[in-house]
């Protein structure tokens, strides 16, 4: 019997439905997530099954969404808040950074904030500067937050279920260009632990370390390079915080070359942290300097041709790998 395939969006919806059926303390809150089914259709059908008390449409106020979710979490609920575009996380950053991330520490572990904040990120849809950002790096810098960025439907479902069950606040990054991507997802119950990366492709000549949409592009680049005799290993960290350092270091120690690929602007992004990790802990194993390939230093433009050029494409990854091997 062939393994079933569903889309990334369907996998997230399944995770939400299964956790809501399992645990009555899980509820959804956000703009247009009810009758409309979410800006990208992820929550379609959940209002009909669970009703308005557990699928809560809100006014247009990201700070109110996050604040209400945090308050509910402090009373023992497990809210899953949806912020319509990741750029708008800036509007609820005070609640997330100064409240959700710090409460457990400041109350000596006596309080918990079991909240998941889901949000679509990234460029590629022609949504222009205010709706195309990749700001996940900001939140990796905040002690107390976990940050997850799955690349496949299988990972999206398993990681979201773990995030909902976690007693700490989790930022769940969903790339908009992945929503319609299909992949195998078992029908039986499974979870993927947070903080565990995965080697998506085995290779011996060079390691690409990446996450989210760039996993797919890196795998495409690896196939092109394989026809040139360059055998690329692709490591998907999956969870940015906590980071699975060992899966990265083990790969680099085997291949002796490392390219870190990410969508946000190159300067100051999380990929620089991965590069620093490799330089500090695997320096003696390197045959070439660690290379970073990130986005350009500009807001995402509306023009689709310009938008394409500001983030790494398959051909850019191929070129960077060739340079690293030369």
C-alpha atoms as a PDB file:
ATOM      1  CA  UNK A   1       0.000   0.000   0.000  1.00  0.00           C
ATOM      2  CA  UNK A   2       1.576   3.333  -1.043  1.00  0.00           C
ATOM      3  CA  UNK A   3       2.366   5.837   1.697  1.00  0.00           C
ATOM      4  CA  UNK A   4      -0.093   8.694   1.663  1.00  0.00           C
ATOM      5  CA  UNK A   5       1.040  12.219   0.799  1.00  0.00           C
ATOM      6  CA  UNK A   6      -0.524  15.418   2.100  1.00  0.00           C
ATOM      7  CA  UNK A   7       0.436  19.070   1.911  1.00  0.00           C
ATOM      8  CA  UNK A   8       2.390  21.010   4.511  1.00  0.00           C
ATOM      9  CA  UNK A   9      -0.792  22.988   5.323  1.00  0.00           C
ATOM     10  CA  UNK A  10      -2.830  19.797   5.713  1.00  0.00           C
ATOM     11  CA  UNK A  11      -0.158  18.323   7.992  1.00  0.00           C
ATOM     12  CA  UNK A  12      -0.350  21.365  10.276  1.00  0.00           C
ATOM     13  CA  UNK A  13      -4.154  21.177  10.283  1.00  0.00           C
ATOM     14  CA  UNK A  14      -3.992  17.500  11.228  1.00  0.00           C
ATOM     15  CA  UNK A  15      -1.648  18.272  14.108  1.00  0.00           C
ATOM     16  CA  UNK A  16      -3.989  20.968  15.391  1.00  0.00           C
ATOM     17  CA  UNK A  17      -7.065  18.749  15.066  1.00  0.00           C
ATOM     18  CA  UNK A  18      -5.430  15.764  16.768  1.00  0.00           C
ATOM     19  CA  UNK A  19      -4.139  17.800  19.694  1.00  0.00           C
ATOM     20  CA  UNK A  20      -7.475  19.586  20.134  1.00  0.00           C
ATOM     21  CA  UNK A  21      -9.291  16.252  20.185  1.00  0.00           C
ATOM     22  CA  UNK A  22      -6.792  14.830  22.657  1.00  0.00           C
ATOM     23  CA  UNK A  23      -6.594  17.801  25.043  1.00  0.00           C
ATOM     24  CA  UNK A  24      -9.566  20.126  25.729  1.00  0.00           C
ATOM     25  CA  UNK A  25      -7.174  22.803  27.033  1.00  0.00           C
ATOM     26  CA  UNK A  26      -5.824  23.356  23.493  1.00  0.00           C
ATOM     27  CA  UNK A  27      -7.534  26.171  21.605  1.00  0.00           C
ATOM     28  CA  UNK A  28      -6.777  28.428  18.624  1.00  0.00           C
ATOM     29  CA  UNK A  29      -6.808  32.211  18.564  1.00  0.00           C
ATOM     30  CA  UNK A  30      -6.060  34.678  15.775  1.00  0.00           C
ATOM     31  CA  UNK A  31      -7.346  36.865  12.967  1.00  0.00           C
ATOM     32  CA  UNK A  32      -9.653  35.210  10.401  1.00  0.00           C
ATOM     33  CA  UNK A  33      -8.858  31.691  11.606  1.00  0.00           C
ATOM     34  CA  UNK A  34     -12.498  30.703  12.073  1.00  0.00           C
ATOM     35  CA  UNK A  35     -15.041  31.077   9.296  1.00  0.00           C
ATOM     36  CA  UNK A  36     -12.389  32.232   6.803  1.00  0.00           C
ATOM     37  CA  UNK A  37     -10.063  29.371   7.714  1.00  0.00           C
ATOM     38  CA  UNK A  38      -6.890  31.423   8.073  1.00  0.00           C
ATOM     39  CA  UNK A  39      -5.054  33.634   5.599  1.00  0.00           C
ATOM     40  CA  UNK A  40      -3.538  30.535   3.958  1.00  0.00           C
ATOM     41  CA  UNK A  41      -6.390  28.116   4.686  1.00  0.00           C
ATOM     42  CA  UNK A  42      -4.548  26.184   7.388  1.00  0.00           C
ATOM     43  CA  UNK A  43      -7.402  26.212   9.930  1.00  0.00           C
ATOM     44  CA  UNK A  44     -10.234  25.416   7.503  1.00  0.00           C
ATOM     45  CA  UNK A  45     -12.891  23.166   9.007  1.00  0.00           C
ATOM     46  CA  UNK A  46     -11.740  23.481  12.600  1.00  0.00           C
ATOM     47  CA  UNK A  47     -14.414  26.015  13.570  1.00  0.00           C
ATOM     48  CA  UNK A  48     -17.136  23.601  12.442  1.00  0.00           C
ATOM     49  CA  UNK A  49     -15.696  20.795  14.572  1.00  0.00           C
ATOM     50  CA  UNK A  50     -14.660  22.657  17.707  1.00  0.00           C
ATOM     51  CA  UNK A  51     -16.871  25.752  17.804  1.00  0.00           C
ATOM     52  CA  UNK A  52     -16.252  29.409  18.552  1.00  0.00           C
ATOM     53  CA  UNK A  53     -14.997  28.827  22.099  1.00  0.00           C
ATOM     54  CA  UNK A  54     -11.969  26.894  20.848  1.00  0.00           C
ATOM     55  CA  UNK A  55     -11.401  28.552  17.454  1.00  0.00           C
ATOM     56  CA  UNK A  56     -11.476  32.223  18.363  1.00  0.00           C
ATOM     57  CA  UNK A  57     -11.517  34.984  15.771  1.00  0.00           C
ATOM     58  CA  UNK A  58     -10.029  38.207  17.073  1.00  0.00           C
ATOM     59  CA  UNK A  59      -9.913  41.882  16.158  1.00  0.00           C
ATOM     60  CA  UNK A  60      -6.869  43.102  14.217  1.00  0.00           C
ATOM     61  CA  UNK A  61      -4.526  43.388  17.178  1.00  0.00           C
ATOM     62  CA  UNK A  62      -1.502  41.139  17.369  1.00  0.00           C
ATOM     63  CA  UNK A  63      -0.662  42.417  20.852  1.00  0.00           C
ATOM     64  CA  UNK A  64      -4.148  41.433  22.032  1.00  0.00           C
ATOM     65  CA  UNK A  65      -3.839  37.964  20.461  1.00  0.00           C
ATOM     66  CA  UNK A  66      -0.517  37.283  22.164  1.00  0.00           C
ATOM     67  CA  UNK A  67      -1.568  38.853  25.461  1.00  0.00           C
ATOM     68  CA  UNK A  68      -4.814  36.869  25.640  1.00  0.00           C
ATOM     69  CA  UNK A  69      -2.974  33.666  24.767  1.00  0.00           C
ATOM     70  CA  UNK A  70      -0.334  34.237  27.439  1.00  0.00           C
ATOM     71  CA  UNK A  71      -2.980  34.965  30.045  1.00  0.00           C
ATOM     72  CA  UNK A  72      -4.851  31.792  29.121  1.00  0.00           C
ATOM     73  CA  UNK A  73      -1.622  29.776  29.307  1.00  0.00           C
ATOM     74  CA  UNK A  74      -0.974  31.091  32.834  1.00  0.00           C
ATOM     75  CA  UNK A  75      -4.388  29.696  33.806  1.00  0.00           C
ATOM     76  CA  UNK A  76      -3.512  26.236  32.501  1.00  0.00           C
ATOM     77  CA  UNK A  77      -4.698  26.378  28.890  1.00  0.00           C
ATOM     78  CA  UNK A  78      -2.572  25.529  25.838  1.00  0.00           C
ATOM     79  CA  UNK A  79      -3.319  28.257  23.281  1.00  0.00           C
ATOM     80  CA  UNK A  80      -2.075  28.146  19.703  1.00  0.00           C
ATOM     81  CA  UNK A  81      -1.990  31.722  18.448  1.00  0.00           C
ATOM     82  CA  UNK A  82      -1.792  32.529  14.749  1.00  0.00           C
ATOM     83  CA  UNK A  83      -0.148  35.782  13.635  1.00  0.00           C
ATOM     84  CA  UNK A  84      -1.227  36.347  10.040  1.00  0.00           C
ATOM     85  CA  UNK A  85       2.228  37.306   8.731  1.00  0.00           C
ATOM     86  CA  UNK A  86       5.545  36.929  10.512  1.00  0.00           C
ATOM     87  CA  UNK A  87       6.305  40.619   9.949  1.00  0.00           C
ATOM     88  CA  UNK A  88       3.481  41.379  12.394  1.00  0.00           C
ATOM     89  CA  UNK A  89       5.307  39.541  15.157  1.00  0.00           C
ATOM     90  CA  UNK A  90       6.883  42.936  15.738  1.00  0.00           C
ATOM     91  CA  UNK A  91       3.496  44.149  16.963  1.00  0.00           C
ATOM     92  CA  UNK A  92       3.309  41.512  19.703  1.00  0.00           C
ATOM     93  CA  UNK A  93       7.027  41.274  20.455  1.00  0.00           C
ATOM     94  CA  UNK A  94       6.585  42.992  23.826  1.00  0.00           C
ATOM     95  CA  UNK A  95       4.142  40.322  24.982  1.00  0.00           C
ATOM     96  CA  UNK A  96       6.273  37.467  23.650  1.00  0.00           C
ATOM     97  CA  UNK A  97       9.732  38.737  24.613  1.00  0.00           C
ATOM     98  CA  UNK A  98       8.990  40.459  27.910  1.00  0.00           C
ATOM     99  CA  UNK A  99       6.177  38.249  29.190  1.00  0.00           C
ATOM    100  CA  UNK A 100       5.969  34.781  27.613  1.00  0.00           C
ATOM    101  CA  UNK A 101       9.726  34.223  27.500  1.00  0.00           C
ATOM    102  CA  UNK A 102      10.475  35.460  31.023  1.00  0.00           C
ATOM    103  CA  UNK A 103       7.547  34.504  33.241  1.00  0.00           C
ATOM    104  CA  UNK A 104       8.662  30.964  34.024  1.00  0.00           C
ATOM    105  CA  UNK A 105      12.115  32.161  35.083  1.00  0.00           C
ATOM    106  CA  UNK A 106      10.868  35.165  37.052  1.00  0.00           C
ATOM    107  CA  UNK A 107       8.377  33.030  38.994  1.00  0.00           C
ATOM    108  CA  UNK A 108      10.977  30.396  39.842  1.00  0.00           C
ATOM    109  CA  UNK A 109       9.375  27.734  37.694  1.00  0.00           C
ATOM    110  CA  UNK A 110       6.024  27.946  39.487  1.00  0.00           C
ATOM    111  CA  UNK A 111       4.270  29.318  36.407  1.00  0.00           C
ATOM    112  CA  UNK A 112       4.393  28.034  32.851  1.00  0.00           C
ATOM    113  CA  UNK A 113       3.483  29.581  29.517  1.00  0.00           C
ATOM    114  CA  UNK A 114       2.527  26.675  27.256  1.00  0.00           C
ATOM    115  CA  UNK A 115       1.842  28.780  24.199  1.00  0.00           C
ATOM    116  CA  UNK A 116       2.592  28.194  20.517  1.00  0.00           C
ATOM    117  CA  UNK A 117       2.735  31.177  18.181  1.00  0.00           C
ATOM    118  CA  UNK A 118       2.345  30.069  14.555  1.00  0.00           C
ATOM    119  CA  UNK A 119       3.084  32.426  11.698  1.00  0.00           C
ATOM    120  CA  UNK A 120       3.775  32.276   7.938  1.00  0.00           C
ATOM    121  CA  UNK A 121       7.123  33.799   6.988  1.00  0.00           C
ATOM    122  CA  UNK A 122       9.297  34.341   3.967  1.00  0.00           C
ATOM    123  CA  UNK A 123       9.176  35.844   0.499  1.00  0.00           C
ATOM    124  CA  UNK A 124       8.178  34.442  -2.867  1.00  0.00           C
ATOM    125  CA  UNK A 125       4.470  35.315  -3.007  1.00  0.00           C
ATOM    126  CA  UNK A 126       4.711  38.911  -4.240  1.00  0.00           C
ATOM    127  CA  UNK A 127       3.391  40.215  -0.934  1.00  0.00           C
ATOM    128  CA  UNK A 128       5.968  43.040  -0.764  1.00  0.00           C
ATOM    129  CA  UNK A 129       7.918  44.461   2.152  1.00  0.00           C
ATOM    130  CA  UNK A 130       5.367  44.310   4.978  1.00  0.00           C
ATOM    131  CA  UNK A 131       4.262  40.704   4.394  1.00  0.00           C
ATOM    132  CA  UNK A 132       7.407  38.817   3.318  1.00  0.00           C
ATOM    133  CA  UNK A 133       9.841  38.997   6.204  1.00  0.00           C
ATOM    134  CA  UNK A 134      11.980  36.280   7.766  1.00  0.00           C
ATOM    135  CA  UNK A 135      12.502  37.493  11.328  1.00  0.00           C
ATOM    136  CA  UNK A 136      13.041  34.163  13.080  1.00  0.00           C
ATOM    137  CA  UNK A 137      16.617  35.121  13.976  1.00  0.00           C
ATOM    138  CA  UNK A 138      15.326  37.841  16.322  1.00  0.00           C
ATOM    139  CA  UNK A 139      13.505  35.328  18.500  1.00  0.00           C
ATOM    140  CA  UNK A 140      16.403  32.875  18.725  1.00  0.00           C
ATOM    141  CA  UNK A 141      18.196  35.569  20.731  1.00  0.00           C
ATOM    142  CA  UNK A 142      15.588  35.534  23.509  1.00  0.00           C
ATOM    143  CA  UNK A 143      16.234  33.141  26.420  1.00  0.00           C
ATOM    144  CA  UNK A 144      13.061  31.240  27.250  1.00  0.00           C
ATOM    145  CA  UNK A 145      11.746  30.934  23.701  1.00  0.00           C
ATOM    146  CA  UNK A 146      11.944  27.895  21.470  1.00  0.00           C
ATOM    147  CA  UNK A 147      11.981  28.464  17.703  1.00  0.00           C
ATOM    148  CA  UNK A 148      10.947  25.797  15.193  1.00  0.00           C
ATOM    149  CA  UNK A 149      11.107  26.026  11.375  1.00  0.00           C
ATOM    150  CA  UNK A 150      10.075  22.756   9.671  1.00  0.00           C
ATOM    151  CA  UNK A 151      10.792  22.073   6.000  1.00  0.00           C
ATOM    152  CA  UNK A 152       8.500  19.111   5.209  1.00  0.00           C
ATOM    153  CA  UNK A 153       4.903  18.084   5.910  1.00  0.00           C
ATOM    154  CA  UNK A 154       6.169  15.180   8.047  1.00  0.00           C
ATOM    155  CA  UNK A 155       8.313  17.468  10.169  1.00  0.00           C
ATOM    156  CA  UNK A 156       5.638  20.159  10.371  1.00  0.00           C
ATOM    157  CA  UNK A 157       3.089  17.783  11.881  1.00  0.00           C
ATOM    158  CA  UNK A 158       5.431  16.012  14.276  1.00  0.00           C
ATOM    159  CA  UNK A 159       7.110  19.179  15.495  1.00  0.00           C
ATOM    160  CA  UNK A 160       3.847  21.094  15.944  1.00  0.00           C
ATOM    161  CA  UNK A 161       2.425  18.312  18.110  1.00  0.00           C
ATOM    162  CA  UNK A 162       5.540  18.455  20.277  1.00  0.00           C
ATOM    163  CA  UNK A 163       5.366  22.245  20.424  1.00  0.00           C
ATOM    164  CA  UNK A 164       1.753  22.180  21.627  1.00  0.00           C
ATOM    165  CA  UNK A 165       2.643  19.703  24.378  1.00  0.00           C
ATOM    166  CA  UNK A 166       5.685  21.707  25.495  1.00  0.00           C
ATOM    167  CA  UNK A 167       5.365  23.769  28.690  1.00  0.00           C
ATOM    168  CA  UNK A 168       7.448  26.610  27.221  1.00  0.00           C
ATOM    169  CA  UNK A 169       6.580  29.262  24.611  1.00  0.00           C
ATOM    170  CA  UNK A 170       7.343  28.099  21.068  1.00  0.00           C
ATOM    171  CA  UNK A 171       7.602  30.245  17.928  1.00  0.00           C
ATOM    172  CA  UNK A 172       6.540  28.060  14.994  1.00  0.00           C
ATOM    173  CA  UNK A 173       7.764  29.384  11.638  1.00  0.00           C
ATOM    174  CA  UNK A 174       5.852  28.247   8.533  1.00  0.00           C
ATOM    175  CA  UNK A 175       7.245  29.316   5.160  1.00  0.00           C
ATOM    176  CA  UNK A 176       4.476  30.446   2.829  1.00  0.00           C
ATOM    177  CA  UNK A 177       5.964  28.662  -0.186  1.00  0.00           C
ATOM    178  CA  UNK A 178       5.811  25.343   1.668  1.00  0.00           C
ATOM    179  CA  UNK A 179       2.072  25.293   2.357  1.00  0.00           C
ATOM    180  CA  UNK A 180       1.204  23.502  -0.909  1.00  0.00           C
ATOM    181  CA  UNK A 181       4.223  21.195  -0.940  1.00  0.00           C
ATOM    182  CA  UNK A 182       3.254  17.526  -0.578  1.00  0.00           C
ATOM    183  CA  UNK A 183       5.141  14.831   1.272  1.00  0.00           C
ATOM    184  CA  UNK A 184       4.639  11.498   3.040  1.00  0.00           C
ATOM    185  CA  UNK A 185       2.939  11.719   6.441  1.00  0.00           C
ATOM    186  CA  UNK A 186       1.909   8.580   8.372  1.00  0.00           C
ATOM    187  CA  UNK A 187      -1.678   8.271   9.506  1.00  0.00           C
ATOM    188  CA  UNK A 188      -0.618   6.807  12.839  1.00  0.00           C
ATOM    189  CA  UNK A 189       0.344   8.936  15.829  1.00  0.00           C
ATOM    190  CA  UNK A 190       3.898  10.316  15.983  1.00  0.00           C
ATOM    191  CA  UNK A 191       5.809  13.282  17.365  1.00  0.00           C
ATOM    192  CA  UNK A 192       9.253  14.724  16.632  1.00  0.00           C
ATOM    193  CA  UNK A 193      11.179  16.017  19.656  1.00  0.00           C
ATOM    194  CA  UNK A 194      12.152  19.671  19.617  1.00  0.00           C
ATOM    195  CA  UNK A 195      15.888  20.228  19.336  1.00  0.00           C
ATOM    196  CA  UNK A 196      16.638  17.255  17.084  1.00  0.00           C
ATOM    197  CA  UNK A 197      17.951  17.936  13.574  1.00  0.00           C
ATOM    198  CA  UNK A 198      18.085  15.523  10.658  1.00  0.00           C
ATOM    199  CA  UNK A 199      20.382  14.706   7.776  1.00  0.00           C
ATOM    200  CA  UNK A 200      18.084  15.011   4.769  1.00  0.00           C
ATOM    201  CA  UNK A 201      20.708  13.806   2.275  1.00  0.00           C
ATOM    202  CA  UNK A 202      23.918  11.898   2.879  1.00  0.00           C
ATOM    203  CA  UNK A 203      27.131  13.054   1.221  1.00  0.00           C
ATOM    204  CA  UNK A 204      30.891  13.069   1.694  1.00  0.00           C
ATOM    205  CA  UNK A 205      32.324  16.206   0.054  1.00  0.00           C
ATOM    206  CA  UNK A 206      30.515  19.171   1.600  1.00  0.00           C
ATOM    207  CA  UNK A 207      27.839  19.914   4.214  1.00  0.00           C
ATOM    208  CA  UNK A 208      24.981  22.356   3.698  1.00  0.00           C
ATOM    209  CA  UNK A 209      23.355  23.358   7.004  1.00  0.00           C
ATOM    210  CA  UNK A 210      19.959  24.959   6.583  1.00  0.00           C
ATOM    211  CA  UNK A 211      16.258  24.989   7.536  1.00  0.00           C
ATOM    212  CA  UNK A 212      12.740  25.730   6.238  1.00  0.00           C
ATOM    213  CA  UNK A 213      12.366  26.458   2.501  1.00  0.00           C
ATOM    214  CA  UNK A 214      16.121  26.422   1.955  1.00  0.00           C
ATOM    215  CA  UNK A 215      16.166  22.683   2.699  1.00  0.00           C
ATOM    216  CA  UNK A 216      14.230  22.033  -0.515  1.00  0.00           C
ATOM    217  CA  UNK A 217      16.445  24.340  -2.532  1.00  0.00           C
ATOM    218  CA  UNK A 218      19.583  22.811  -1.040  1.00  0.00           C
ATOM    219  CA  UNK A 219      18.399  19.312  -1.929  1.00  0.00           C
ATOM    220  CA  UNK A 220      17.759  20.428  -5.523  1.00  0.00           C
ATOM    221  CA  UNK A 221      21.220  21.973  -5.646  1.00  0.00           C
ATOM    222  CA  UNK A 222      22.749  18.773  -4.270  1.00  0.00           C
ATOM    223  CA  UNK A 223      21.185  16.736  -7.076  1.00  0.00           C
ATOM    224  CA  UNK A 224      22.621  19.109  -9.702  1.00  0.00           C
ATOM    225  CA  UNK A 225      26.053  18.961  -8.088  1.00  0.00           C
ATOM    226  CA  UNK A 226      25.956  15.166  -7.897  1.00  0.00           C
ATOM    227  CA  UNK A 227      26.056  15.104 -11.705  1.00  0.00           C
ATOM    228  CA  UNK A 228      29.351  16.998 -11.480  1.00  0.00           C
ATOM    229  CA  UNK A 229      30.823  14.517  -9.019  1.00  0.00           C
ATOM    230  CA  UNK A 230      30.265  16.694  -5.927  1.00  0.00           C
ATOM    231  CA  UNK A 231      28.557  14.717  -3.172  1.00  0.00           C
ATOM    232  CA  UNK A 232      26.677  17.116  -0.865  1.00  0.00           C
ATOM    233  CA  UNK A 233      25.255  16.316   2.558  1.00  0.00           C
ATOM    234  CA  UNK A 234      22.212  18.389   3.592  1.00  0.00           C
ATOM    235  CA  UNK A 235      21.534  18.925   7.298  1.00  0.00           C
ATOM    236  CA  UNK A 236      18.148  20.324   8.321  1.00  0.00           C
ATOM    237  CA  UNK A 237      18.384  21.674  11.869  1.00  0.00           C
ATOM    238  CA  UNK A 238      14.537  21.841  12.026  1.00  0.00           C
ATOM    239  CA  UNK A 239      14.632  23.522  15.449  1.00  0.00           C
ATOM    240  CA  UNK A 240      16.698  26.693  15.699  1.00  0.00           C
ATOM    241  CA  UNK A 241      16.384  26.885  19.483  1.00  0.00           C
ATOM    242  CA  UNK A 242      17.290  24.546  21.001  1.00  0.00           C
ATOM    243  CA  UNK A 243      19.820  23.787  18.272  1.00  0.00           C
ATOM    244  CA  UNK A 244      21.010  20.241  17.629  1.00  0.00           C
ATOM    245  CA  UNK A 245      24.710  21.054  17.588  1.00  0.00           C
ATOM    246  CA  UNK A 246      25.867  17.466  17.287  1.00  0.00           C
ATOM    247  CA  UNK A 247      24.078  16.711  14.003  1.00  0.00           C
ATOM    248  CA  UNK A 248      25.805  19.754  12.496  1.00  0.00           C
ATOM    249  CA  UNK A 249      29.242  19.023  13.888  1.00  0.00           C
ATOM    250  CA  UNK A 250      29.164  15.316  13.062  1.00  0.00           C
ATOM    251  CA  UNK A 251      28.410  16.104   9.423  1.00  0.00           C
ATOM    252  CA  UNK A 252      31.069  18.801   9.106  1.00  0.00           C
ATOM    253  CA  UNK A 253      33.695  16.576  10.725  1.00  0.00           C
ATOM    254  CA  UNK A 254      32.943  14.005   8.020  1.00  0.00           C
ATOM    255  CA  UNK A 255      32.857  16.261   4.941  1.00  0.00           C
ATOM    256  CA  UNK A 256      35.381  18.944   6.107  1.00  0.00           C
ATOM    257  CA  UNK A 257      33.496  21.768   4.357  1.00  0.00           C
ATOM    258  CA  UNK A 258      30.442  23.740   5.447  1.00  0.00           C
ATOM    259  CA  UNK A 259      27.984  26.073   3.715  1.00  0.00           C
ATOM    260  CA  UNK A 260      25.224  27.643   5.829  1.00  0.00           C
ATOM    261  CA  UNK A 261      22.183  28.653   3.747  1.00  0.00           C
ATOM    262  CA  UNK A 262      19.318  30.838   4.964  1.00  0.00           C
ATOM    263  CA  UNK A 263      16.740  33.282   3.596  1.00  0.00           C
ATOM    264  CA  UNK A 264      17.041  36.336   5.919  1.00  0.00           C
ATOM    265  CA  UNK A 265      19.582  39.055   5.113  1.00  0.00           C
ATOM    266  CA  UNK A 266      23.063  37.644   5.527  1.00  0.00           C
ATOM    267  CA  UNK A 267      24.227  40.013   8.261  1.00  0.00           C
ATOM    268  CA  UNK A 268      23.207  39.159  11.813  1.00  0.00           C
ATOM    269  CA  UNK A 269      20.999  36.198  10.943  1.00  0.00           C
ATOM    270  CA  UNK A 270      20.845  32.847  12.736  1.00  0.00           C
ATOM    271  CA  UNK A 271      23.044  31.277  10.083  1.00  0.00           C
ATOM    272  CA  UNK A 272      25.946  33.283  11.498  1.00  0.00           C
ATOM    273  CA  UNK A 273      25.452  31.477  14.818  1.00  0.00           C
ATOM    274  CA  UNK A 274      25.690  28.119  13.056  1.00  0.00           C
ATOM    275  CA  UNK A 275      28.837  29.273  11.257  1.00  0.00           C
ATOM    276  CA  UNK A 276      30.346  30.373  14.571  1.00  0.00           C
ATOM    277  CA  UNK A 277      29.500  27.001  16.129  1.00  0.00           C
ATOM    278  CA  UNK A 278      31.321  25.178  13.335  1.00  0.00           C
ATOM    279  CA  UNK A 279      34.331  27.503  13.523  1.00  0.00           C
ATOM    280  CA  UNK A 280      34.612  27.093  17.303  1.00  0.00           C
ATOM    281  CA  UNK A 281      34.016  23.363  17.631  1.00  0.00           C
ATOM    282  CA  UNK A 282      35.085  21.838  14.308  1.00  0.00           C
ATOM    283  CA  UNK A 283      37.875  24.184  13.172  1.00  0.00           C
ATOM    284  CA  UNK A 284      40.535  21.469  13.042  1.00  0.00           C
ATOM    285  CA  UNK A 285      38.305  19.379  10.783  1.00  0.00           C
ATOM    286  CA  UNK A 286      37.799  22.087   8.145  1.00  0.00           C
ATOM    287  CA  UNK A 287      39.578  22.075   4.791  1.00  0.00           C
ATOM    288  CA  UNK A 288      38.100  25.469   3.858  1.00  0.00           C
ATOM    289  CA  UNK A 289      36.574  28.450   5.691  1.00  0.00           C
ATOM    290  CA  UNK A 290      32.915  28.201   6.672  1.00  0.00           C
ATOM    291  CA  UNK A 291      30.801  29.973   4.045  1.00  0.00           C
ATOM    292  CA  UNK A 292      27.441  31.695   4.538  1.00  0.00           C
ATOM    293  CA  UNK A 293      24.826  32.256   1.847  1.00  0.00           C
ATOM    294  CA  UNK A 294      22.009  34.524   2.960  1.00  0.00           C
ATOM    295  CA  UNK A 295      19.629  37.114   1.586  1.00  0.00           C
ATOM    296  CA  UNK A 296      20.481  40.613   0.404  1.00  0.00           C
ATOM    297  CA  UNK A 297      20.342  43.659   2.674  1.00  0.00           C
ATOM    298  CA  UNK A 298      16.992  45.055   1.563  1.00  0.00           C
ATOM    299  CA  UNK A 299      13.273  44.664   2.239  1.00  0.00           C
ATOM    300  CA  UNK A 300      11.493  42.205  -0.068  1.00  0.00           C
ATOM    301  CA  UNK A 301      10.389  44.074  -3.204  1.00  0.00           C
ATOM    302  CA  UNK A 302       6.976  43.686  -4.807  1.00  0.00           C
ATOM    303  CA  UNK A 303       8.390  43.041  -8.269  1.00  0.00           C
ATOM    304  CA  UNK A 304       8.635  39.225  -8.605  1.00  0.00           C
ATOM    305  CA  UNK A 305      11.924  39.295 -10.519  1.00  0.00           C
ATOM    306  CA  UNK A 306      13.573  41.555  -7.939  1.00  0.00           C
ATOM    307  CA  UNK A 307      12.029  39.576  -5.085  1.00  0.00           C
ATOM    308  CA  UNK A 308      13.576  36.403  -6.442  1.00  0.00           C
ATOM    309  CA  UNK A 309      17.035  37.933  -6.509  1.00  0.00           C
ATOM    310  CA  UNK A 310      17.141  38.958  -2.847  1.00  0.00           C
ATOM    311  CA  UNK A 311      17.037  35.412  -1.425  1.00  0.00           C
ATOM    312  CA  UNK A 312      19.170  32.370  -2.299  1.00  0.00           C
ATOM    313  CA  UNK A 313      17.898  30.341  -5.242  1.00  0.00           C
ATOM    314  CA  UNK A 314      19.002  26.874  -6.320  1.00  0.00           C
ATOM    315  CA  UNK A 315      21.550  28.285  -8.752  1.00  0.00           C
ATOM    316  CA  UNK A 316      23.054  30.462  -6.013  1.00  0.00           C
ATOM    317  CA  UNK A 317      23.496  27.445  -3.750  1.00  0.00           C
ATOM    318  CA  UNK A 318      25.111  25.499  -6.583  1.00  0.00           C
ATOM    319  CA  UNK A 319      27.527  28.348  -7.272  1.00  0.00           C
ATOM    320  CA  UNK A 320      28.450  28.686  -3.584  1.00  0.00           C
ATOM    321  CA  UNK A 321      29.150  24.950  -3.327  1.00  0.00           C
ATOM    322  CA  UNK A 322      31.369  25.060  -6.403  1.00  0.00           C
ATOM    323  CA  UNK A 323      33.294  27.959  -4.910  1.00  0.00           C
ATOM    324  CA  UNK A 324      33.728  26.135  -1.620  1.00  0.00           C
ATOM    325  CA  UNK A 325      35.049  23.042  -3.406  1.00  0.00           C
ATOM    326  CA  UNK A 326      37.514  24.980  -5.566  1.00  0.00           C
END
